[in-house]
Protein backbone atom coordinates (compact mmCIF):
# COMPACT_ATOMS: atom_id res chain seq x y z
CA MET A 1 0.00 0.00 0.00
CA ILE A 2 1.23 3.49 -0.88
CA HIS A 3 0.15 6.33 1.42
CA LEU A 4 0.80 9.77 -0.09
CA ASP A 5 1.11 12.86 2.10
CA LEU A 6 0.79 16.25 0.37
CA ILE A 7 2.38 18.66 2.83
CA GLY A 8 1.90 22.42 2.57
CA ILE A 9 5.16 24.12 3.55
CA GLY A 10 4.24 27.79 3.28
CA THR A 11 5.93 30.38 1.10
CA GLY A 12 9.62 29.96 1.83
CA ASN A 13 10.07 30.58 5.54
CA PRO A 14 10.85 27.38 7.48
CA GLU A 15 8.94 28.86 10.42
CA HIS A 16 5.77 28.56 8.33
CA LEU A 17 5.81 24.80 8.91
CA THR A 18 3.07 23.55 11.21
CA ARG A 19 3.63 20.81 13.76
CA ALA A 20 1.39 18.60 11.62
CA ALA A 21 3.66 19.20 8.64
CA GLU A 22 6.76 18.31 10.63
CA ALA A 23 5.12 15.15 11.98
CA ALA A 24 4.08 14.05 8.49
CA MET A 25 7.59 14.59 7.16
CA ARG A 26 9.16 12.55 9.95
CA ALA A 27 6.59 9.76 9.47
CA ALA A 28 7.41 9.36 5.78
CA ASP A 29 9.54 6.59 4.33
CA LEU A 30 10.32 8.69 1.27
CA ILE A 31 10.19 12.42 0.51
CA LEU A 32 10.35 13.47 -3.15
CA LEU A 33 11.86 16.87 -3.95
CA PRO A 34 11.26 18.32 -7.44
CA ARG A 35 13.97 20.23 -9.29
CA LYS A 36 12.47 22.99 -11.44
CA GLY A 37 15.01 24.10 -14.02
CA ASP A 38 16.75 27.31 -12.97
CA LYS A 39 14.73 27.80 -9.76
CA VAL A 40 17.65 26.66 -7.61
CA GLU A 41 16.50 28.58 -4.54
CA LEU A 42 13.27 26.58 -4.40
CA ILE A 43 15.02 23.21 -4.20
CA ASP A 44 17.56 24.66 -1.76
CA LEU A 45 14.77 25.79 0.56
CA ARG A 46 13.20 22.33 0.47
CA ARG A 47 16.61 20.79 1.21
CA ASP A 48 17.05 23.12 4.17
CA ILE A 49 13.59 22.28 5.51
CA CYS A 50 14.36 18.57 5.29
CA ALA A 51 17.73 19.04 6.98
CA GLN A 52 16.10 20.88 9.87
CA VAL A 53 13.05 18.66 10.34
CA LEU A 54 14.48 15.20 9.68
CA VAL A 55 17.28 15.19 12.24
CA GLY A 56 17.41 11.68 13.69
CA ALA A 57 14.60 10.40 11.42
CA GLU A 58 15.12 7.52 8.98
CA VAL A 59 13.57 9.14 5.95
CA ARG A 60 14.95 8.81 2.43
CA VAL A 61 15.00 12.08 0.49
CA VAL A 62 15.13 11.74 -3.31
CA GLU A 63 15.34 14.55 -5.85
CA PHE A 64 13.92 14.34 -9.36
CA ASP A 65 13.59 16.61 -12.39
CA LEU A 66 10.08 17.97 -12.84
CA PRO A 67 8.72 17.77 -16.42
CA VAL A 68 8.32 21.11 -18.20
CA ARG A 69 4.98 22.30 -19.55
CA ALA A 70 4.86 22.90 -23.30
CA ALA A 71 5.16 26.59 -24.16
CA GLU A 72 2.82 26.38 -27.15
CA GLY A 73 -0.63 24.95 -27.71
CA VAL A 74 -4.08 25.28 -26.15
CA TYR A 75 -3.54 26.22 -22.50
CA LEU A 76 -5.80 23.63 -20.86
CA ASP A 77 -4.51 20.88 -23.16
CA THR A 78 -0.87 21.67 -22.37
CA VAL A 79 -1.66 21.66 -18.64
CA GLU A 80 -3.42 18.29 -18.92
CA HIS A 81 -0.47 16.71 -20.75
CA TRP A 82 1.93 18.27 -18.26
CA HIS A 83 0.03 16.81 -15.31
CA ASP A 84 0.08 13.38 -16.99
CA ALA A 85 3.86 13.64 -17.35
CA ILE A 86 4.31 14.66 -13.72
CA ALA A 87 2.13 11.76 -12.54
CA GLU A 88 4.22 9.34 -14.59
CA CYS A 89 7.36 10.79 -13.05
CA TRP A 90 6.02 10.43 -9.51
CA ALA A 91 4.89 6.88 -10.21
CA ALA A 92 8.33 5.91 -11.51
CA GLU A 93 10.09 7.37 -8.45
CA ILE A 94 7.69 5.68 -6.03
CA ALA A 95 8.03 2.32 -7.78
CA ALA A 96 11.83 2.59 -7.75
CA HIS A 97 12.20 3.60 -4.10
CA LEU A 98 9.15 2.03 -2.41
CA PRO A 99 8.61 -1.23 -4.35
CA ASP A 100 7.02 -2.90 -1.31
CA GLY A 101 4.81 0.03 -0.38
CA GLY A 102 5.12 2.67 2.32
CA ARG A 103 4.54 6.31 2.99
CA VAL A 104 5.71 8.96 0.51
CA ALA A 105 5.52 12.72 0.97
CA LEU A 106 5.64 15.71 -1.35
CA LEU A 107 6.40 19.19 -0.02
CA VAL A 108 3.96 21.59 -1.66
CA TRP A 109 4.70 25.30 -1.91
CA GLY A 110 2.05 27.27 -0.01
CA ASP A 111 -1.02 25.08 0.43
CA PRO A 112 -2.04 22.11 -1.76
CA SER A 113 -5.59 23.46 -2.18
CA LEU A 114 -4.90 26.93 -3.63
CA TYR A 115 -3.90 27.20 -7.29
CA ASP A 116 -1.77 24.11 -7.03
CA SER A 117 -2.52 20.93 -8.97
CA THR A 118 -0.78 18.42 -6.72
CA ILE A 119 -4.07 16.96 -5.50
CA ARG A 120 -5.37 16.56 -9.07
CA ILE A 121 -2.12 14.92 -10.18
CA ALA A 122 -2.18 12.55 -7.20
CA ARG A 123 -5.54 11.18 -8.36
CA ARG A 124 -3.79 9.85 -11.47
CA LEU A 125 -1.60 7.48 -9.42
CA ALA A 126 -3.17 4.05 -9.49
CA ALA A 127 -0.70 2.69 -6.93
CA VAL A 128 -1.67 5.25 -4.28
CA GLU A 129 -4.42 3.93 -2.03
CA ARG A 130 -4.59 6.82 0.43
CA VAL A 131 -3.92 10.56 0.15
CA THR A 132 -3.58 12.87 3.15
CA VAL A 133 -3.37 16.65 2.79
CA VAL A 134 -1.57 18.75 5.41
CA PRO A 135 -2.51 22.43 4.99
CA GLY A 136 0.10 25.18 4.79
CA ILE A 137 0.27 28.97 4.85
CA THR A 138 -0.73 30.38 1.47
CA SER A 139 0.87 33.23 -0.45
CA ILE A 140 -2.36 35.22 0.05
CA GLN A 141 -2.05 34.88 3.82
CA ALA A 142 1.62 35.86 3.66
CA LEU A 143 0.76 38.85 1.46
CA CYS A 144 -1.87 40.17 3.88
CA ALA A 145 0.47 39.63 6.82
CA ALA A 146 3.33 41.46 5.07
CA HIS A 147 1.08 44.48 4.46
CA ALA A 148 -0.81 44.12 7.78
CA ILE A 149 -4.21 44.25 6.04
CA PRO A 150 -7.36 42.12 6.18
CA PHE A 151 -8.04 39.87 3.20
CA ASN A 152 -11.62 41.07 2.77
CA ALA A 153 -13.60 44.26 3.28
CA VAL A 154 -16.21 44.05 6.05
CA GLY A 155 -18.95 41.60 5.07
CA ALA A 156 -17.71 41.49 1.46
CA PRO A 157 -16.53 38.64 -0.79
CA VAL A 158 -13.15 38.27 -2.49
CA MET A 159 -12.62 36.79 -5.95
CA VAL A 160 -9.46 34.69 -6.32
CA THR A 161 -8.33 34.44 -9.93
CA THR A 162 -5.31 34.29 -12.22
CA GLY A 163 -3.45 36.88 -14.22
CA ARG A 164 -4.46 35.16 -17.43
CA ARG A 165 -8.17 35.45 -16.65
CA LEU A 166 -7.82 39.02 -15.39
CA ARG A 167 -6.18 39.98 -18.68
CA GLU A 168 -8.78 38.15 -20.79
CA THR A 169 -11.98 39.17 -18.97
CA GLY A 170 -11.09 42.26 -16.96
CA TRP A 171 -12.21 43.04 -13.41
CA PRO A 172 -14.52 40.22 -12.21
CA GLN A 173 -18.16 41.24 -11.99
CA GLY A 174 -19.67 41.45 -8.54
CA ALA A 175 -16.35 41.65 -6.70
CA ASP A 176 -14.70 44.73 -5.22
CA SER A 177 -11.72 42.74 -3.91
CA VAL A 178 -9.69 40.51 -6.23
CA ALA A 179 -6.70 38.35 -5.30
CA VAL A 180 -4.56 37.54 -8.35
CA MET A 181 -2.13 34.64 -8.64
CA LEU A 182 0.05 33.20 -11.39
CA ASP A 183 0.44 36.53 -13.18
CA GLY A 184 3.62 36.55 -15.23
CA GLY A 185 2.51 39.50 -17.35
CA CYS A 186 1.38 42.16 -14.85
CA ALA A 187 -2.27 41.96 -15.91
CA PHE A 188 -3.14 44.77 -13.49
CA THR A 189 -1.73 47.20 -16.08
CA THR A 190 -4.63 46.34 -18.42
CA LEU A 191 -7.33 47.47 -15.96
CA ASP A 192 -9.14 50.77 -16.22
CA GLN A 193 -9.42 51.15 -12.47
CA PRO A 194 -7.16 54.09 -11.53
CA ASP A 195 -8.70 54.54 -8.06
CA ALA A 196 -8.35 50.88 -7.10
CA ALA A 197 -5.71 49.98 -4.55
CA ILE A 198 -3.09 47.26 -4.99
CA TRP A 199 -1.06 45.35 -2.44
CA TRP A 200 1.71 43.43 -4.20
CA GLY A 201 4.33 41.05 -2.87
CA ALA A 202 7.08 38.83 -4.25
CA TYR A 203 9.20 36.11 -2.60
CA LEU A 204 6.83 36.33 0.36
CA GLY A 205 8.31 34.80 3.49
CA MET A 206 11.81 34.67 2.03
CA ALA A 207 14.81 36.82 2.89
CA GLN A 208 14.40 38.72 -0.40
CA GLN A 209 10.72 39.55 0.18
CA ALA A 210 9.59 42.67 -1.69
CA ILE A 211 6.29 44.52 -1.31
CA GLU A 212 4.59 47.58 -2.81
CA THR A 213 1.24 49.23 -2.18
CA GLY A 214 -0.75 52.26 -3.31
CA ARG A 215 -3.34 53.45 -5.76
CA LEU A 216 -3.06 51.40 -8.94
CA ALA A 217 -2.58 54.49 -11.11
CA ASP A 218 0.31 55.64 -8.90
CA VAL A 219 2.29 52.43 -8.40
CA ALA A 220 1.56 50.14 -11.39
CA GLU A 221 4.64 51.21 -13.37
CA ARG A 222 6.83 51.01 -10.27
CA ILE A 223 5.70 47.45 -9.60
CA VAL A 224 6.35 46.44 -13.22
CA ALA A 225 9.87 47.88 -13.08
CA ARG A 226 10.67 46.39 -9.69
CA ARG A 227 9.32 43.00 -10.70
CA ALA A 228 11.52 42.97 -13.81
CA ALA A 229 14.59 43.96 -11.81
CA LEU A 230 13.98 41.25 -9.22
CA ARG A 231 13.51 38.62 -11.90
CA ARG A 232 16.79 39.63 -13.54
CA ALA A 233 18.56 39.48 -10.18
CA HIS A 234 17.23 36.08 -9.10
CA GLY A 235 16.46 34.38 -12.42
CA TRP A 236 12.86 33.68 -11.32
CA ILE A 237 10.03 35.31 -9.41
CA MET A 238 6.84 34.29 -7.62
CA ASP A 239 4.43 37.07 -6.72
CA VAL A 240 0.80 37.69 -5.83
CA TYR A 241 -1.35 40.75 -5.30
CA LEU A 242 -4.66 41.95 -3.92
CA LEU A 243 -6.77 44.58 -5.66
CA ARG A 244 -9.57 46.50 -3.95
CA ARG A 245 -11.87 49.26 -5.14
CA GLY A 246 -14.75 51.24 -3.68
CA GLY A 247 -15.35 52.55 -0.21
CA ASP A 248 -12.95 54.34 2.10
CA LEU A 249 -9.52 52.72 1.85
CA ALA A 250 -7.83 55.16 4.21
CA GLY A 251 -8.20 52.70 7.07
CA GLU A 252 -6.07 50.22 5.15
CA GLY A 253 -3.05 52.46 4.92
CA LEU A 254 -3.91 54.43 1.77
């Protein structure tokens, strides 16, 4: 029997780990660590977390190269094929290192439930009989903490979406607060919402954390420039932002 633990590890700060996450790591027979091309800092952080948590524990840690999603083609189709490839990779590693069964863990950036496909990919693994999810701190939580703001306005909803959808469809109808993830193209620059506020953050929880906030019309260009500079400096970037319009925003630091 293969028992798969999907462990949320937060956004880069080892102190984000919960006690449940640490216990699940130490209970594993095998932990798989993905290598993602030039994102060396991400694998280094996972290595550091394992080194700190697994002291005295008999847990095998194995690294593997994560398949790359095709750059061209229909978006949803390329994602589906990519997930198939990742599942095949996981299955091969599990079969090689746990041929007689056991407990395997994957360390998931942020939380496995929020704009992460680890749970969906895990369902493709025929050999896995049980999946356990250990929640972690999300980038949205880390963003709000970094800016010391609430996620939502009083009694109001928040739409969570992606940069691709924001660029294609504009500001979501019926929402005054919008959290945007997976935005590699600064989709906020396409919005005609000059009075909206933005709270932006990159590398949240890490030593190189960077944040910006202000009226969208005032800070959009600054965020674009800073984001580009940070990406050049580190070779990669992960960022997220919260947009809010309407009402009195002075109480939120604007």
